[in-house]
Protein backbone atom coordinates (compact mmCIF):
# COMPACT_ATOMS: atom_id res chain seq x y z
CA MET A 1 17.04 -55.68 -81.94
CA THR A 2 16.11 -52.94 -79.50
CA THR A 3 15.66 -53.43 -75.78
CA SER A 4 11.91 -52.82 -75.98
CA THR A 5 11.56 -55.46 -78.69
CA LYS A 6 13.47 -57.98 -76.58
CA LYS A 7 11.29 -57.13 -73.61
CA ASP A 8 8.13 -57.55 -75.72
CA ILE A 9 9.25 -60.96 -76.99
CA SER A 10 10.18 -62.18 -73.52
CA THR A 11 6.86 -60.93 -72.14
CA ARG A 12 4.97 -62.84 -74.83
CA ALA A 13 7.02 -65.97 -74.19
CA LEU A 14 6.33 -65.76 -70.45
CA TYR A 15 2.61 -65.22 -71.10
CA ALA A 16 2.47 -68.25 -73.40
CA HIS A 17 4.35 -70.38 -70.87
CA LEU A 18 2.03 -69.37 -68.01
CA MET A 19 -1.08 -69.98 -70.10
CA ARG A 20 0.16 -73.44 -71.10
CA ARG A 21 0.90 -74.23 -67.44
CA ALA A 22 -2.60 -73.08 -66.50
CA GLY A 23 -4.10 -75.46 -69.06
CA PHE A 24 -4.81 -73.03 -71.85
CA GLY A 25 -3.52 -72.93 -75.41
CA ALA A 26 -0.26 -71.23 -76.36
CA HIS A 27 -1.89 -68.25 -78.08
CA PRO A 28 -4.62 -65.93 -76.73
CA ASP A 29 -6.81 -66.82 -79.74
CA GLU A 30 -6.48 -70.51 -78.87
CA LEU A 31 -7.67 -70.41 -75.25
CA ASP A 32 -9.22 -73.77 -74.50
CA PRO A 33 -10.43 -74.32 -70.96
CA LEU A 34 -8.91 -77.04 -68.84
CA PRO A 35 -11.25 -80.03 -69.00
CA LEU A 36 -12.78 -80.65 -65.57
CA ASP A 37 -15.15 -83.39 -64.51
CA SER A 38 -18.23 -82.53 -62.44
CA ARG A 39 -16.49 -83.15 -59.10
CA GLN A 40 -13.65 -80.81 -60.02
CA GLN A 41 -16.12 -78.16 -61.18
CA GLU A 42 -17.88 -78.40 -57.80
CA GLU A 43 -14.53 -77.99 -56.03
CA VAL A 44 -13.67 -74.89 -58.05
CA LEU A 45 -17.11 -73.39 -57.36
CA LEU A 46 -16.79 -74.23 -53.64
CA THR A 47 -13.36 -72.59 -53.49
CA ALA A 48 -14.66 -69.49 -55.26
CA ALA A 49 -17.66 -69.25 -52.92
CA GLN A 50 -15.46 -69.70 -49.85
CA SER A 51 -13.02 -67.04 -51.08
CA LEU A 52 -15.82 -64.60 -51.84
CA PHE A 53 -17.27 -65.07 -48.37
CA ALA A 54 -13.85 -64.55 -46.77
CA VAL A 55 -13.33 -61.34 -48.77
CA SER A 56 -16.76 -60.08 -47.72
CA LEU A 57 -15.79 -60.72 -44.10
CA LEU A 58 -12.50 -58.85 -44.49
CA LEU A 59 -13.79 -55.70 -46.20
CA ASP A 60 -12.93 -53.60 -43.16
CA LEU A 61 -9.64 -55.50 -42.66
CA ARG A 62 -10.91 -57.16 -39.47
CA MET A 63 -12.20 -60.65 -38.83
CA SER A 64 -14.96 -61.08 -36.29
CA LEU A 65 -15.10 -64.17 -34.11
CA VAL A 66 -18.46 -65.10 -35.62
CA GLY A 67 -17.09 -64.80 -39.15
CA ALA A 68 -14.03 -66.87 -38.29
CA LEU A 69 -16.19 -69.56 -36.67
CA LEU A 70 -18.51 -69.64 -39.69
CA LEU A 71 -15.56 -70.07 -42.05
CA MET A 72 -14.05 -72.81 -39.89
CA GLY A 73 -17.37 -74.58 -39.34
CA LEU A 74 -18.32 -74.63 -43.01
CA PHE A 75 -14.82 -75.73 -43.97
CA LEU A 76 -14.98 -78.62 -41.51
CA ILE A 77 -18.43 -79.63 -42.78
CA GLN A 78 -17.27 -79.74 -46.40
CA LEU A 79 -14.13 -81.58 -45.35
CA LEU A 80 -15.82 -84.24 -43.22
CA ILE A 81 -19.01 -84.74 -45.27
CA PRO A 82 -17.98 -85.24 -48.92
CA GLY A 83 -21.55 -85.11 -50.26
CA ALA A 84 -22.19 -81.67 -48.78
CA HIS A 85 -20.08 -79.65 -51.23
CA MET A 86 -22.94 -78.11 -53.19
CA ALA A 87 -24.99 -77.37 -50.05
CA VAL A 88 -22.00 -75.67 -48.43
CA THR A 89 -21.36 -73.73 -51.66
CA VAL A 90 -24.92 -72.40 -51.62
CA ILE A 91 -24.57 -71.50 -47.93
CA TYR A 92 -21.37 -69.59 -48.68
CA PHE A 93 -23.09 -67.58 -51.44
CA ILE A 94 -26.11 -66.84 -49.21
CA LEU A 95 -23.88 -65.74 -46.32
CA THR A 96 -21.83 -63.57 -48.68
CA ALA A 97 -24.94 -61.84 -50.01
CA ALA A 98 -26.32 -61.35 -46.50
CA ASN A 99 -23.00 -60.01 -45.24
CA LEU A 100 -22.70 -57.56 -48.13
CA ILE A 101 -26.28 -56.34 -47.62
CA VAL A 102 -25.96 -55.92 -43.86
CA TYR A 103 -22.55 -54.26 -44.05
CA ARG A 104 -22.95 -52.42 -47.37
CA LYS A 105 -21.21 -49.32 -45.99
CA ARG A 106 -18.03 -51.36 -45.68
CA ILE A 107 -17.86 -51.75 -49.45
CA GLY A 108 -17.38 -48.02 -49.99
CA LEU A 109 -14.93 -47.75 -47.12
CA ALA A 110 -12.89 -50.68 -48.38
CA PHE A 111 -12.25 -48.93 -51.68
CA LYS A 112 -11.87 -45.40 -50.31
CA TRP A 113 -8.17 -45.42 -51.19
CA LEU A 114 -9.08 -45.75 -54.89
CA ARG A 115 -11.07 -42.54 -54.83
CA LYS A 116 -8.14 -40.68 -53.27
CA LYS A 117 -5.82 -41.78 -56.08
CA ALA A 118 -8.35 -41.01 -58.79
CA ALA A 119 -9.09 -37.50 -57.53
CA PRO A 120 -7.30 -34.85 -59.60
CA GLN A 121 -4.59 -32.87 -57.87
CA ALA A 122 -5.30 -29.18 -57.32
CA VAL A 123 -2.89 -26.87 -59.12
CA GLY A 124 -1.73 -24.20 -56.79
């Protein structure tokens, strides 16, 4: 058995192990989602919305005081008022959209390093 074959087998075994741990089937063709009740689905959506908002705030690698206070305030609301999860989720998505529209120039600047890598090198 060659080294590359051993590496391929170990990679597949690791992939299968990680997918089983994540709640999916052992084979890519057998991916079954992890069963979640409605409360868990709301929590996942809330976490995704909160993360998206935080990323939109950090596009220029700086956190404003207003952004930090919004994150903290909304987190405390969803922590202290259990029934407010969906309302806070919607607020996160609205704030993310507003932030991306207002600071749309940040989006291009945040990924400027990708354009530098993708640009072909001049032969000289």
